């Protein structure tokens, strides 16, 4: 039996000598380290190139990069929060991180992998878009007969903030054109939205946008082409987390001269749930209104004449409010870009 033991010991000794003499080969055989091919070593693995992060909405960010010359995959991590939407070991060169919080800064760290070796890391950061917020900055109801302009006073705005000015005018004749929207609370002259639709009869509902001047107790004046006022309503809404240059994505106006118990706005085609929405309703008959489900009151219905509501999520469905019996109503729905 002893000669057999000596053979086992000699075999172990020979293997040990082979490992000592050929360390790289031994490492390849007895560890999980990668085989060296094409001149790649742990020191020469290139990091991914052109790593970028671009906010796509209030809850998503698009990531993209270019592949290095030699790799078997990637590792990806996120701070803050838990990575979602993208794999922790992505196989392509782009993905979309999801489930993020609006108005929040995030950083992603990416490395190229070559088997068990990792490259140096690259990082990309982005801040998700902010949810649209709405504040009623000022309002007016002008019942002075036969005027050519109406002014909302006491309007306080933040300098550079986006504004949406919603106007309703009930006139004594059909000459309803708005010639300008200006005042100390806004910069220059406001711009009409994508919709300015004359209502049935002698009424009109319109929406304009502008930027605030930062004035306290300022004014917004709406001028008309004829001195035929019966009732004019002005609501000045200040935006936050919005596309200041062009906040109004689209708007749609609906009107009816038929007596009814509901007022339903038109559908906003292709509206994004990441955008916000304003919903304005006006009546010619004093009656009650209900707040649409999921909307917040900005201007409480005044004597049953009009109401203004907001939502941080725009809807493609026409919004409905319940009324008493009204001889005429008009609505406008406005999609506001979150920017």
Foldseek 3Di string as FASTA:
>chain_A
DVVVVVVVVVVVVVVVVVCVVCVVVVCVVPHQDDDDPPNDDLVPDDWWADWEWAADFQFKIKTFTHDDPDADWKAKAKPDDGFPQADRTHDDGITMTGRHHGQAKMKMWMWGHHRPRTDDIDMYMDHYFHQKDKAFQWKDKDQDFQAQKDKIWQGFAQAFWKKKKKKKFAFPAQQWAWDWKDKQQFPDTWAWAPDWDAAPGNMTITMTMTGTHRDGGMMIMIGGPGRTTRMMMIIMMTMDLFDRVHFWPHKFKDKDQAWDFKDWTAFDPPFFQSWKKKKKKAAPDQKAKDDFPQWAWNDHQDSNGMTMTMHSTHGRGITMITIDTTRIMMMMMTTTGSD
